[in-house]
């Protein structure tokens, strides 16, 4: 006969992890290698993806423009950027008729930005 009591341990409230403010670079926050380069590549690929969508190109047609086969375009727009240099991503943007502009200037946040690099991608 059951007594109504369960042999299961009582449930406890889940532990709450403390939130940490982002540095502004998710790749750095995750401790990945070369986070500045990873962020720059992600921003460039985001612009390439946006151009493909705006021009209503299939991945195959985008591949002809970029000199890639369709599976590589698929990987690229899904963020698989291993093997692509910043220079090559710049050339892809040039193929879409985009100009690349790199600005070098003192940071507004001198102490906190020491040693940081940034690439700004504008639409």
PDB file of N, CA and C in Angstrom:
ATOM      1  N   UNK A   1       0.830  -1.170   0.000  1.00  0.00           N
ATOM      2  CA  UNK A   1       0.000   0.000   0.000  1.00  0.00           C
ATOM      3  C   UNK A   1       0.878   1.238   0.000  1.00  0.00           C
ATOM      4  N   UNK A   2       0.518   2.214  -0.800  1.00  0.00           N
ATOM      5  CA  UNK A   2       1.287   3.453  -0.923  1.00  0.00           C
ATOM      6  C   UNK A   2       0.913   4.427   0.175  1.00  0.00           C
ATOM      7  N   UNK A   3       1.914   5.116   0.660  1.00  0.00           N
ATOM      8  CA  UNK A   3       1.663   6.077   1.726  1.00  0.00           C
ATOM      9  C   UNK A   3       1.387   7.478   1.191  1.00  0.00           C
ATOM     10  N   UNK A   4       1.501   7.663  -0.111  1.00  0.00           N
ATOM     11  CA  UNK A   4       1.260   8.986  -0.684  1.00  0.00           C
ATOM     12  C   UNK A   4       2.528   9.803  -0.794  1.00  0.00           C
ATOM     13  N   UNK A   5       3.588   9.356  -0.145  1.00  0.00           N
ATOM     14  CA  UNK A   5       4.864  10.066  -0.227  1.00  0.00           C
ATOM     15  C   UNK A   5       5.699   9.436  -1.319  1.00  0.00           C
ATOM     16  N   UNK A   6       6.398  10.271  -2.035  1.00  0.00           N
ATOM     17  CA  UNK A   6       7.228   9.801  -3.137  1.00  0.00           C
ATOM     18  C   UNK A   6       8.657   9.622  -2.649  1.00  0.00           C
ATOM     19  N   UNK A   7       9.341   8.662  -3.260  1.00  0.00           N
ATOM     20  CA  UNK A   7      10.750   8.459  -2.948  1.00  0.00           C
ATOM     21  C   UNK A   7      11.638   9.433  -3.721  1.00  0.00           C
ATOM     22  N   UNK A   8      11.040  10.216  -4.614  1.00  0.00           N
ATOM     23  CA  UNK A   8      11.806  11.175  -5.423  1.00  0.00           C
ATOM     24  C   UNK A   8      12.217  12.351  -4.554  1.00  0.00           C
ATOM     25  N   UNK A   9      13.436  12.868  -4.781  1.00  0.00           N
ATOM     26  CA  UNK A   9      13.852  14.037  -4.002  1.00  0.00           C
ATOM     27  C   UNK A   9      13.012  15.258  -4.395  1.00  0.00           C
ATOM     28  N   UNK A  10      12.836  16.152  -3.452  1.00  0.00           N
ATOM     29  CA  UNK A  10      12.051  17.366  -3.711  1.00  0.00           C
ATOM     30  C   UNK A  10      12.762  18.218  -4.759  1.00  0.00           C
ATOM     31  N   UNK A  11      11.989  18.834  -5.622  1.00  0.00           N
ATOM     32  CA  UNK A  11      12.560  19.699  -6.654  1.00  0.00           C
ATOM     33  C   UNK A  11      13.032  20.992  -6.017  1.00  0.00           C
ATOM     34  N   UNK A  12      14.193  21.425  -6.447  1.00  0.00           N
ATOM     35  CA  UNK A  12      14.711  22.702  -5.968  1.00  0.00           C
ATOM     36  C   UNK A  12      14.645  23.709  -7.103  1.00  0.00           C
ATOM     37  N   UNK A  13      14.657  24.955  -6.744  1.00  0.00           N
ATOM     38  CA  UNK A  13      14.611  26.020  -7.754  1.00  0.00           C
ATOM     39  C   UNK A  13      15.892  25.957  -8.588  1.00  0.00           C
ATOM     40  N   UNK A  14      15.766  26.181  -9.880  1.00  0.00           N
ATOM     41  CA  UNK A  14      16.968  26.147 -10.722  1.00  0.00           C
ATOM     42  C   UNK A  14      17.932  27.278 -10.336  1.00  0.00           C
ATOM     43  N   UNK A  15      19.206  26.988 -10.484  1.00  0.00           N
ATOM     44  CA  UNK A  15      20.197  28.013 -10.188  1.00  0.00           C
ATOM     45  C   UNK A  15      20.154  29.077 -11.261  1.00  0.00           C
ATOM     46  N   UNK A  16      20.285  30.303 -10.848  1.00  0.00           N
ATOM     47  CA  UNK A  16      20.255  31.424 -11.785  1.00  0.00           C
ATOM     48  C   UNK A  16      21.690  31.887 -12.004  1.00  0.00           C
ATOM     49  N   UNK A  17      22.085  31.902 -13.279  1.00  0.00           N
ATOM     50  CA  UNK A  17      23.423  32.380 -13.592  1.00  0.00           C
ATOM     51  C   UNK A  17      23.392  33.883 -13.692  1.00  0.00           C
ATOM     52  N   UNK A  18      24.475  34.488 -13.320  1.00  0.00           N
ATOM     53  CA  UNK A  18      24.558  35.940 -13.353  1.00  0.00           C
ATOM     54  C   UNK A  18      24.854  36.406 -14.775  1.00  0.00           C
ATOM     55  N   UNK A  19      24.145  37.420 -15.219  1.00  0.00           N
ATOM     56  CA  UNK A  19      24.368  37.980 -16.548  1.00  0.00           C
ATOM     57  C   UNK A  19      25.621  38.847 -16.533  1.00  0.00           C
ATOM     58  N   UNK A  20      26.344  38.792 -17.638  1.00  0.00           N
ATOM     59  CA  UNK A  20      27.562  39.589 -17.777  1.00  0.00           C
ATOM     60  C   UNK A  20      27.395  40.468 -19.003  1.00  0.00           C
ATOM     61  N   UNK A  21      27.755  41.722 -18.878  1.00  0.00           N
ATOM     62  CA  UNK A  21      27.640  42.647 -20.004  1.00  0.00           C
ATOM     63  C   UNK A  21      28.588  42.224 -21.118  1.00  0.00           C
ATOM     64  N   UNK A  22      28.124  42.361 -22.351  1.00  0.00           N
ATOM     65  CA  UNK A  22      28.930  41.996 -23.511  1.00  0.00           C
ATOM     66  C   UNK A  22      30.008  43.045 -23.759  1.00  0.00           C
ATOM     67  N   UNK A  23      31.098  42.601 -24.317  1.00  0.00           N
ATOM     68  CA  UNK A  23      32.176  43.517 -24.700  1.00  0.00           C
ATOM     69  C   UNK A  23      31.842  44.208 -26.021  1.00  0.00           C
ATOM     70  N   UNK A  24      30.793  43.737 -26.688  1.00  0.00           N
ATOM     71  CA  UNK A  24      30.459  44.257 -28.014  1.00  0.00           C
ATOM     72  C   UNK A  24      30.951  43.327 -29.110  1.00  0.00           C
ATOM     73  N   UNK A  25      31.720  42.321 -28.730  1.00  0.00           N
ATOM     74  CA  UNK A  25      32.207  41.329 -29.685  1.00  0.00           C
ATOM     75  C   UNK A  25      31.919  39.951 -29.112  1.00  0.00           C
ATOM     76  N   UNK A  26      30.898  39.305 -29.640  1.00  0.00           N
ATOM     77  CA  UNK A  26      30.482  38.002 -29.128  1.00  0.00           C
ATOM     78  C   UNK A  26      31.610  36.977 -29.228  1.00  0.00           C
ATOM     79  N   UNK A  27      32.468  37.104 -30.236  1.00  0.00           N
ATOM     80  CA  UNK A  27      33.568  36.161 -30.408  1.00  0.00           C
ATOM     81  C   UNK A  27      34.592  36.314 -29.275  1.00  0.00           C
ATOM     82  N   UNK A  28      34.822  37.543 -28.835  1.00  0.00           N
ATOM     83  CA  UNK A  28      35.710  37.779 -27.690  1.00  0.00           C
ATOM     84  C   UNK A  28      35.048  37.273 -26.409  1.00  0.00           C
ATOM     85  N   UNK A  29      33.745  37.535 -26.282  1.00  0.00           N
ATOM     86  CA  UNK A  29      33.016  37.088 -25.090  1.00  0.00           C
ATOM     87  C   UNK A  29      33.070  35.571 -24.938  1.00  0.00           C
ATOM     88  N   UNK A  30      33.092  34.864 -26.078  1.00  0.00           N
ATOM     89  CA  UNK A  30      33.150  33.398 -26.049  1.00  0.00           C
ATOM     90  C   UNK A  30      34.574  32.865 -25.918  1.00  0.00           C
ATOM     91  N   UNK A  31      35.552  33.774 -25.941  1.00  0.00           N
ATOM     92  CA  UNK A  31      36.942  33.365 -25.797  1.00  0.00           C
ATOM     93  C   UNK A  31      37.523  32.708 -27.040  1.00  0.00           C
ATOM     94  N   UNK A  32      36.946  33.004 -28.205  1.00  0.00           N
ATOM     95  CA  UNK A  32      37.437  32.413 -29.452  1.00  0.00           C
ATOM     96  C   UNK A  32      38.712  33.106 -29.910  1.00  0.00           C
ATOM     97  N   UNK A  33      39.559  32.400 -30.658  1.00  0.00           N
ATOM     98  CA  UNK A  33      40.797  33.019 -31.135  1.00  0.00           C
ATOM     99  C   UNK A  33      40.504  34.086 -32.191  1.00  0.00           C
ATOM    100  N   UNK A  34      41.326  35.117 -32.231  1.00  0.00           N
ATOM    101  CA  UNK A  34      41.220  36.224 -33.191  1.00  0.00           C
ATOM    102  C   UNK A  34      39.795  36.780 -33.276  1.00  0.00           C
ATOM    103  N   UNK A  35      39.255  37.235 -32.162  1.00  0.00           N
ATOM    104  CA  UNK A  35      37.864  37.689 -32.170  1.00  0.00           C
ATOM    105  C   UNK A  35      37.610  38.907 -33.051  1.00  0.00           C
ATOM    106  N   UNK A  36      38.599  39.795 -33.180  1.00  0.00           N
ATOM    107  CA  UNK A  36      38.416  40.977 -34.030  1.00  0.00           C
ATOM    108  C   UNK A  36      38.243  40.574 -35.492  1.00  0.00           C
ATOM    109  N   UNK A  37      39.057  39.633 -35.929  1.00  0.00           N
ATOM    110  CA  UNK A  37      38.973  39.157 -37.315  1.00  0.00           C
ATOM    111  C   UNK A  37      37.653  38.425 -37.527  1.00  0.00           C
ATOM    112  N   UNK A  38      37.261  37.595 -36.563  1.00  0.00           N
ATOM    113  CA  UNK A  38      36.004  36.846 -36.675  1.00  0.00           C
ATOM    114  C   UNK A  38      34.812  37.795 -36.776  1.00  0.00           C
ATOM    115  N   UNK A  39      34.811  38.861 -35.983  1.00  0.00           N
ATOM    116  CA  UNK A  39      33.719  39.830 -36.032  1.00  0.00           C
ATOM    117  C   UNK A  39      33.710  40.562 -37.373  1.00  0.00           C
ATOM    118  N   UNK A  40      34.876  40.964 -37.848  1.00  0.00           N
ATOM    119  CA  UNK A  40      34.956  41.656 -39.146  1.00  0.00           C
ATOM    120  C   UNK A  40      34.429  40.759 -40.265  1.00  0.00           C
ATOM    121  N   UNK A  41      34.834  39.493 -40.257  1.00  0.00           N
ATOM    122  CA  UNK A  41      34.357  38.563 -41.281  1.00  0.00           C
ATOM    123  C   UNK A  41      32.845  38.393 -41.196  1.00  0.00           C
ATOM    124  N   UNK A  42      32.317  38.289 -39.989  1.00  0.00           N
ATOM    125  CA  UNK A  42      30.873  38.118 -39.817  1.00  0.00           C
ATOM    126  C   UNK A  42      30.115  39.322 -40.370  1.00  0.00           C
ATOM    127  N   UNK A  43      30.629  40.512 -40.129  1.00  0.00           N
ATOM    128  CA  UNK A  43      29.970  41.713 -40.635  1.00  0.00           C
ATOM    129  C   UNK A  43      30.038  41.785 -42.158  1.00  0.00           C
ATOM    130  N   UNK A  44      31.167  41.390 -42.738  1.00  0.00           N
ATOM    131  CA  UNK A  44      31.298  41.394 -44.196  1.00  0.00           C
ATOM    132  C   UNK A  44      30.370  40.364 -44.828  1.00  0.00           C
ATOM    133  N   UNK A  45      30.299  39.185 -44.247  1.00  0.00           N
ATOM    134  CA  UNK A  45      29.420  38.139 -44.772  1.00  0.00           C
ATOM    135  C   UNK A  45      27.954  38.557 -44.633  1.00  0.00           C
ATOM    136  N   UNK A  46      27.636  39.240 -43.560  1.00  0.00           N
ATOM    137  CA  UNK A  46      26.270  39.733 -43.388  1.00  0.00           C
ATOM    138  C   UNK A  46      25.916  40.681 -44.535  1.00  0.00           C
ATOM    139  N   UNK A  47      26.844  41.538 -44.923  1.00  0.00           N
ATOM    140  CA  UNK A  47      26.593  42.460 -46.035  1.00  0.00           C
ATOM    141  C   UNK A  47      26.474  41.693 -47.361  1.00  0.00           C
ATOM    142  N   UNK A  48      27.297  40.691 -47.566  1.00  0.00           N
ATOM    143  CA  UNK A  48      27.215  39.874 -48.786  1.00  0.00           C
ATOM    144  C   UNK A  48      25.853  39.193 -48.851  1.00  0.00           C
ATOM    145  N   UNK A  49      25.427  38.599 -47.740  1.00  0.00           N
ATOM    146  CA  UNK A  49      24.122  37.936 -47.670  1.00  0.00           C
ATOM    147  C   UNK A  49      23.007  38.930 -47.982  1.00  0.00           C
ATOM    148  N   UNK A  50      23.106  40.122 -47.429  1.00  0.00           N
ATOM    149  CA  UNK A  50      22.105  41.158 -47.661  1.00  0.00           C
ATOM    150  C   UNK A  50      22.030  41.536 -49.147  1.00  0.00           C
ATOM    151  N   UNK A  51      23.181  41.640 -49.798  1.00  0.00           N
ATOM    152  CA  UNK A  51      23.211  41.978 -51.227  1.00  0.00           C
ATOM    153  C   UNK A  51      22.585  40.873 -52.075  1.00  0.00           C
ATOM    154  N   UNK A  52      22.850  39.627 -51.706  1.00  0.00           N
ATOM    155  CA  UNK A  52      22.257  38.497 -52.437  1.00  0.00           C
ATOM    156  C   UNK A  52      20.735  38.553 -52.327  1.00  0.00           C
ATOM    157  N   UNK A  53      20.239  38.848 -51.131  1.00  0.00           N
ATOM    158  CA  UNK A  53      18.791  38.924 -50.914  1.00  0.00           C
ATOM    159  C   UNK A  53      18.198  40.117 -51.665  1.00  0.00           C
ATOM    160  N   UNK A  54      18.836  41.296 -51.532  1.00  0.00           N
ATOM    161  CA  UNK A  54      18.325  42.506 -52.188  1.00  0.00           C
ATOM    162  C   UNK A  54      18.228  42.326 -53.701  1.00  0.00           C
ATOM    163  N   UNK A  55      19.199  41.640 -54.272  1.00  0.00           N
ATOM    164  CA  UNK A  55      19.220  41.453 -55.728  1.00  0.00           C
ATOM    165  C   UNK A  55      18.462  40.208 -56.174  1.00  0.00           C
ATOM    166  N   UNK A  56      17.896  39.521 -55.200  1.00  0.00           N
ATOM    167  CA  UNK A  56      17.100  38.318 -55.466  1.00  0.00           C
ATOM    168  C   UNK A  56      17.862  37.301 -56.307  1.00  0.00           C
ATOM    169  N   UNK A  57      19.116  37.108 -55.921  1.00  0.00           N
ATOM    170  CA  UNK A  57      19.961  36.142 -56.626  1.00  0.00           C
ATOM    171  C   UNK A  57      19.814  34.761 -56.009  1.00  0.00           C
ATOM    172  N   UNK A  58      19.837  33.768 -56.841  1.00  0.00           N
ATOM    173  CA  UNK A  58      19.943  32.414 -56.319  1.00  0.00           C
ATOM    174  C   UNK A  58      21.394  32.228 -55.870  1.00  0.00           C
ATOM    175  N   UNK A  59      21.643  31.218 -55.079  1.00  0.00           N
ATOM    176  CA  UNK A  59      23.024  30.945 -54.666  1.00  0.00           C
ATOM    177  C   UNK A  59      23.876  30.602 -55.877  1.00  0.00           C
ATOM    178  N   UNK A  60      23.282  29.962 -56.861  1.00  0.00           N
ATOM    179  CA  UNK A  60      24.019  29.615 -58.076  1.00  0.00           C
ATOM    180  C   UNK A  60      24.438  30.883 -58.830  1.00  0.00           C
ATOM    181  N   UNK A  61      23.512  31.841 -58.974  1.00  0.00           N
ATOM    182  CA  UNK A  61      23.840  33.096 -59.674  1.00  0.00           C
ATOM    183  C   UNK A  61      24.840  33.924 -58.870  1.00  0.00           C
ATOM    184  N   UNK A  62      24.698  33.926 -57.560  1.00  0.00           N
ATOM    185  CA  UNK A  62      25.663  34.629 -56.714  1.00  0.00           C
ATOM    186  C   UNK A  62      27.037  33.984 -56.860  1.00  0.00           C
ATOM    187  N   UNK A  63      27.066  32.670 -56.971  1.00  0.00           N
ATOM    188  CA  UNK A  63      28.326  31.953 -57.145  1.00  0.00           C
ATOM    189  C   UNK A  63      29.029  32.333 -58.434  1.00  0.00           C
ATOM    190  N   UNK A  64      28.266  32.506 -59.511  1.00  0.00           N
ATOM    191  CA  UNK A  64      28.863  32.932 -60.786  1.00  0.00           C
ATOM    192  C   UNK A  64      29.517  34.292 -60.600  1.00  0.00           C
ATOM    193  N   UNK A  65      28.837  35.200 -59.915  1.00  0.00           N
ATOM    194  CA  UNK A  65      29.360  36.541 -59.661  1.00  0.00           C
ATOM    195  C   UNK A  65      30.625  36.504 -58.798  1.00  0.00           C
ATOM    196  N   UNK A  66      30.633  35.614 -57.822  1.00  0.00           N
ATOM    197  CA  UNK A  66      31.745  35.552 -56.858  1.00  0.00           C
ATOM    198  C   UNK A  66      32.851  34.579 -57.265  1.00  0.00           C
ATOM    199  N   UNK A  67      32.584  33.755 -58.274  1.00  0.00           N
ATOM    200  CA  UNK A  67      33.568  32.754 -58.671  1.00  0.00           C
ATOM    201  C   UNK A  67      33.593  31.559 -57.736  1.00  0.00           C
ATOM    202  N   UNK A  68      32.439  31.239 -57.166  1.00  0.00           N
ATOM    203  CA  UNK A  68      32.306  30.101 -56.248  1.00  0.00           C
ATOM    204  C   UNK A  68      31.227  29.170 -56.767  1.00  0.00           C
ATOM    205  N   UNK A  69      31.290  27.905 -56.343  1.00  0.00           N
ATOM    206  CA  UNK A  69      30.182  27.019 -56.676  1.00  0.00           C
ATOM    207  C   UNK A  69      29.075  27.213 -55.633  1.00  0.00           C
ATOM    208  N   UNK A  70      27.885  26.716 -55.937  1.00  0.00           N
ATOM    209  CA  UNK A  70      26.721  26.930 -55.079  1.00  0.00           C
ATOM    210  C   UNK A  70      26.927  26.430 -53.651  1.00  0.00           C
ATOM    211  N   UNK A  71      27.513  25.246 -53.439  1.00  0.00           N
ATOM    212  CA  UNK A  71      27.708  24.808 -52.048  1.00  0.00           C
ATOM    213  C   UNK A  71      28.603  25.755 -51.236  1.00  0.00           C
ATOM    214  N   UNK A  72      29.588  26.365 -51.889  1.00  0.00           N
ATOM    215  CA  UNK A  72      30.456  27.303 -51.163  1.00  0.00           C
ATOM    216  C   UNK A  72      29.714  28.596 -50.839  1.00  0.00           C
ATOM    217  N   UNK A  73      28.833  29.032 -51.746  1.00  0.00           N
ATOM    218  CA  UNK A  73      28.009  30.217 -51.452  1.00  0.00           C
ATOM    219  C   UNK A  73      27.099  29.901 -50.276  1.00  0.00           C
ATOM    220  N   UNK A  74      26.512  28.724 -50.271  1.00  0.00           N
ATOM    221  CA  UNK A  74      25.642  28.307 -49.179  1.00  0.00           C
ATOM    222  C   UNK A  74      26.400  28.348 -47.846  1.00  0.00           C
ATOM    223  N   UNK A  75      27.581  27.785 -47.826  1.00  0.00           N
ATOM    224  CA  UNK A  75      28.386  27.796 -46.606  1.00  0.00           C
ATOM    225  C   UNK A  75      28.755  29.208 -46.187  1.00  0.00           C
ATOM    226  N   UNK A  76      29.103  30.027 -47.150  1.00  0.00           N
ATOM    227  CA  UNK A  76      29.499  31.405 -46.860  1.00  0.00           C
ATOM    228  C   UNK A  76      28.349  32.175 -46.216  1.00  0.00           C
ATOM    229  N   UNK A  77      27.171  32.121 -46.811  1.00  0.00           N
ATOM    230  CA  UNK A  77      26.049  32.886 -46.262  1.00  0.00           C
ATOM    231  C   UNK A  77      25.548  32.302 -44.941  1.00  0.00           C
ATOM    232  N   UNK A  78      25.957  31.085 -44.629  1.00  0.00           N
ATOM    233  CA  UNK A  78      25.622  30.481 -43.333  1.00  0.00           C
ATOM    234  C   UNK A  78      26.721  30.730 -42.298  1.00  0.00           C
ATOM    235  N   UNK A  79      27.717  31.537 -42.682  1.00  0.00           N
ATOM    236  CA  UNK A  79      28.745  31.931 -41.721  1.00  0.00           C
ATOM    237  C   UNK A  79      29.977  31.059 -41.690  1.00  0.00           C
ATOM    238  N   UNK A  80      30.101  30.150 -42.619  1.00  0.00           N
ATOM    239  CA  UNK A  80      31.302  29.306 -42.659  1.00  0.00           C
ATOM    240  C   UNK A  80      32.391  30.069 -43.406  1.00  0.00           C
ATOM    241  N   UNK A  81      33.219  30.775 -42.660  1.00  0.00           N
ATOM    242  CA  UNK A  81      34.201  31.667 -43.264  1.00  0.00           C
ATOM    243  C   UNK A  81      35.638  31.165 -43.145  1.00  0.00           C
ATOM    244  N   UNK A  82      35.821  29.976 -42.594  1.00  0.00           N
ATOM    245  CA  UNK A  82      37.173  29.414 -42.540  1.00  0.00           C
ATOM    246  C   UNK A  82      37.699  29.300 -43.960  1.00  0.00           C
ATOM    247  N   UNK A  83      38.917  29.737 -44.166  1.00  0.00           N
ATOM    248  CA  UNK A  83      39.508  29.665 -45.495  1.00  0.00           C
ATOM    249  C   UNK A  83      39.297  30.931 -46.310  1.00  0.00           C
ATOM    250  N   UNK A  84      38.472  31.854 -45.812  1.00  0.00           N
ATOM    251  CA  UNK A  84      38.279  33.127 -46.502  1.00  0.00           C
ATOM    252  C   UNK A  84      39.018  34.222 -45.742  1.00  0.00           C
ATOM    253  N   UNK A  85      39.888  34.923 -46.444  1.00  0.00           N
ATOM    254  CA  UNK A  85      40.597  36.048 -45.824  1.00  0.00           C
ATOM    255  C   UNK A  85      39.715  37.289 -45.907  1.00  0.00           C
ATOM    256  N   UNK A  86      40.065  38.292 -45.129  1.00  0.00           N
ATOM    257  CA  UNK A  86      39.356  39.568 -45.235  1.00  0.00           C
ATOM    258  C   UNK A  86      39.484  40.113 -46.653  1.00  0.00           C
ATOM    259  N   UNK A  87      40.664  39.977 -47.239  1.00  0.00           N
ATOM    260  CA  UNK A  87      40.889  40.471 -48.594  1.00  0.00           C
ATOM    261  C   UNK A  87      39.932  39.807 -49.587  1.00  0.00           C
ATOM    262  N   UNK A  88      39.745  38.510 -49.437  1.00  0.00           N
ATOM    263  CA  UNK A  88      38.853  37.803 -50.369  1.00  0.00           C
ATOM    264  C   UNK A  88      37.401  38.243 -50.175  1.00  0.00           C
ATOM    265  N   UNK A  89      36.998  38.455 -48.934  1.00  0.00           N
ATOM    266  CA  UNK A  89      35.645  38.946 -48.671  1.00  0.00           C
ATOM    267  C   UNK A  89      35.469  40.356 -49.240  1.00  0.00           C
ATOM    268  N   UNK A  90      36.525  41.173 -49.166  1.00  0.00           N
ATOM    269  CA  UNK A  90      36.495  42.510 -49.789  1.00  0.00           C
ATOM    270  C   UNK A  90      36.276  42.373 -51.293  1.00  0.00           C
ATOM    271  N   UNK A  91      36.976  41.417 -51.917  1.00  0.00           N
ATOM    272  CA  UNK A  91      36.820  41.213 -53.365  1.00  0.00           C
ATOM    273  C   UNK A  91      35.409  40.752 -53.718  1.00  0.00           C
ATOM    274  N   UNK A  92      34.813  39.941 -52.865  1.00  0.00           N
ATOM    275  CA  UNK A  92      33.427  39.531 -53.096  1.00  0.00           C
ATOM    276  C   UNK A  92      32.515  40.758 -53.089  1.00  0.00           C
ATOM    277  N   UNK A  93      32.720  41.646 -52.128  1.00  0.00           N
ATOM    278  CA  UNK A  93      31.921  42.867 -52.073  1.00  0.00           C
ATOM    279  C   UNK A  93      32.168  43.749 -53.290  1.00  0.00           C
ATOM    280  N   UNK A  94      33.422  43.817 -53.748  1.00  0.00           N
ATOM    281  CA  UNK A  94      33.725  44.568 -54.967  1.00  0.00           C
ATOM    282  C   UNK A  94      32.972  43.991 -56.161  1.00  0.00           C
ATOM    283  N   UNK A  95      32.839  42.665 -56.217  1.00  0.00           N
ATOM    284  CA  UNK A  95      32.116  42.017 -57.310  1.00  0.00           C
ATOM    285  C   UNK A  95      30.644  42.431 -57.312  1.00  0.00           C
ATOM    286  N   UNK A  96      30.129  42.810 -56.148  1.00  0.00           N
ATOM    287  CA  UNK A  96      28.759  43.309 -56.042  1.00  0.00           C
ATOM    288  C   UNK A  96      28.688  44.824 -56.271  1.00  0.00           C
ATOM    289  N   UNK A  97      29.808  45.413 -56.675  1.00  0.00           N
ATOM    290  CA  UNK A  97      29.815  46.850 -56.936  1.00  0.00           C
ATOM    291  C   UNK A  97      29.928  47.699 -55.679  1.00  0.00           C
ATOM    292  N   UNK A  98      30.423  47.100 -54.604  1.00  0.00           N
ATOM    293  CA  UNK A  98      30.579  47.821 -53.344  1.00  0.00           C
ATOM    294  C   UNK A  98      32.001  48.346 -53.220  1.00  0.00           C
ATOM    295  N   UNK A  99      32.138  49.540 -52.652  1.00  0.00           N
ATOM    296  CA  UNK A  99      33.454  50.090 -52.366  1.00  0.00           C
ATOM    297  C   UNK A  99      33.807  49.753 -50.925  1.00  0.00           C
ATOM    298  N   UNK A 100      35.061  49.480 -50.714  1.00  0.00           N
ATOM    299  CA  UNK A 100      35.550  49.172 -49.369  1.00  0.00           C
ATOM    300  C   UNK A 100      36.347  50.378 -48.891  1.00  0.00           C
ATOM    301  N   UNK A 101      36.024  50.839 -47.709  1.00  0.00           N
ATOM    302  CA  UNK A 101      36.723  51.985 -47.131  1.00  0.00           C
ATOM    303  C   UNK A 101      37.188  51.596 -45.737  1.00  0.00           C
ATOM    304  N   UNK A 102      38.470  51.756 -45.490  1.00  0.00           N
ATOM    305  CA  UNK A 102      39.031  51.449 -44.176  1.00  0.00           C
ATOM    306  C   UNK A 102      39.513  52.759 -43.579  1.00  0.00           C
ATOM    307  N   UNK A 103      38.995  53.093 -42.416  1.00  0.00           N
ATOM    308  CA  UNK A 103      39.378  54.327 -41.728  1.00  0.00           C
ATOM    309  C   UNK A 103      40.251  53.991 -40.533  1.00  0.00           C
ATOM    310  N   UNK A 104      41.316  54.743 -40.372  1.00  0.00           N
ATOM    311  CA  UNK A 104      42.174  54.588 -39.204  1.00  0.00           C
ATOM    312  C   UNK A 104      42.174  55.930 -38.486  1.00  0.00           C
ATOM    313  N   UNK A 105      41.756  55.924 -37.226  1.00  0.00           N
ATOM    314  CA  UNK A 105      41.710  57.157 -36.442  1.00  0.00           C
ATOM    315  C   UNK A 105      41.824  56.801 -34.968  1.00  0.00           C
ATOM    316  N   UNK A 106      42.206  57.767 -34.171  1.00  0.00           N
ATOM    317  CA  UNK A 106      42.291  57.492 -32.733  1.00  0.00           C
ATOM    318  C   UNK A 106      40.925  57.122 -32.174  1.00  0.00           C
ATOM    319  N   UNK A 107      40.938  56.212 -31.244  1.00  0.00           N
ATOM    320  CA  UNK A 107      39.700  55.772 -30.623  1.00  0.00           C
ATOM    321  C   UNK A 107      39.204  56.839 -29.652  1.00  0.00           C
ATOM    322  N   UNK A 108      37.890  56.981 -29.550  1.00  0.00           N
ATOM    323  CA  UNK A 108      37.298  57.907 -28.590  1.00  0.00           C
ATOM    324  C   UNK A 108      37.487  57.389 -27.168  1.00  0.00           C
ATOM    325  N   UNK A 109      37.708  56.105 -27.043  1.00  0.00           N
ATOM    326  CA  UNK A 109      37.886  55.479 -25.732  1.00  0.00           C
ATOM    327  C   UNK A 109      39.321  54.981 -25.611  1.00  0.00           C
ATOM    328  N   UNK A 110      40.247  55.887 -25.480  1.00  0.00           N
ATOM    329  CA  UNK A 110      41.673  55.556 -25.526  1.00  0.00           C
ATOM    330  C   UNK A 110      42.075  54.421 -24.581  1.00  0.00           C
ATOM    331  N   UNK A 111      41.777  54.538 -23.301  1.00  0.00           N
ATOM    332  CA  UNK A 111      42.249  53.530 -22.354  1.00  0.00           C
ATOM    333  C   UNK A 111      41.581  52.181 -22.565  1.00  0.00           C
ATOM    334  N   UNK A 112      40.277  52.173 -22.748  1.00  0.00           N
ATOM    335  CA  UNK A 112      39.578  50.894 -22.871  1.00  0.00           C
ATOM    336  C   UNK A 112      39.768  50.258 -24.239  1.00  0.00           C
ATOM    337  N   UNK A 113      40.158  51.037 -25.231  1.00  0.00           N
ATOM    338  CA  UNK A 113      40.278  50.499 -26.590  1.00  0.00           C
ATOM    339  C   UNK A 113      41.720  50.156 -26.944  1.00  0.00           C
ATOM    340  N   UNK A 114      42.633  50.310 -25.991  1.00  0.00           N
ATOM    341  CA  UNK A 114      44.036  50.030 -26.281  1.00  0.00           C
ATOM    342  C   UNK A 114      44.193  48.609 -26.795  1.00  0.00           C
ATOM    343  N   UNK A 115      44.824  48.479 -27.932  1.00  0.00           N
ATOM    344  CA  UNK A 115      45.065  47.164 -28.505  1.00  0.00           C
ATOM    345  C   UNK A 115      43.890  46.615 -29.297  1.00  0.00           C
ATOM    346  N   UNK A 116      42.789  47.347 -29.359  1.00  0.00           N
ATOM    347  CA  UNK A 116      41.626  46.867 -30.114  1.00  0.00           C
ATOM    348  C   UNK A 116      41.693  47.368 -31.541  1.00  0.00           C
ATOM    349  N   UNK A 117      41.148  46.561 -32.451  1.00  0.00           N
ATOM    350  CA  UNK A 117      41.038  46.943 -33.855  1.00  0.00           C
ATOM    351  C   UNK A 117      39.573  46.843 -34.233  1.00  0.00           C
ATOM    352  N   UNK A 118      39.176  47.649 -35.190  1.00  0.00           N
ATOM    353  CA  UNK A 118      37.784  47.573 -35.614  1.00  0.00           C
ATOM    354  C   UNK A 118      37.682  47.840 -37.106  1.00  0.00           C
ATOM    355  N   UNK A 119      36.769  47.154 -37.737  1.00  0.00           N
ATOM    356  CA  UNK A 119      36.446  47.383 -39.139  1.00  0.00           C
ATOM    357  C   UNK A 119      34.969  47.708 -39.165  1.00  0.00           C
ATOM    358  N   UNK A 120      34.623  48.827 -39.763  1.00  0.00           N
ATOM    359  CA  UNK A 120      33.243  49.259 -39.832  1.00  0.00           C
ATOM    360  C   UNK A 120      32.694  48.943 -41.213  1.00  0.00           C
ATOM    361  N   UNK A 121      31.579  48.249 -41.248  1.00  0.00           N
ATOM    362  CA  UNK A 121      30.933  47.906 -42.524  1.00  0.00           C
ATOM    363  C   UNK A 121      29.644  48.719 -42.579  1.00  0.00           C
ATOM    364  N   UNK A 122      29.549  49.578 -43.591  1.00  0.00           N
ATOM    365  CA  UNK A 122      28.360  50.409 -43.761  1.00  0.00           C
ATOM    366  C   UNK A 122      27.592  49.995 -44.994  1.00  0.00           C
ATOM    367  N   UNK A 123      26.305  50.145 -44.938  1.00  0.00           N
ATOM    368  CA  UNK A 123      25.458  49.832 -46.103  1.00  0.00           C
ATOM    369  C   UNK A 123      25.321  51.069 -46.957  1.00  0.00           C
TER     370      UNK A 123
END
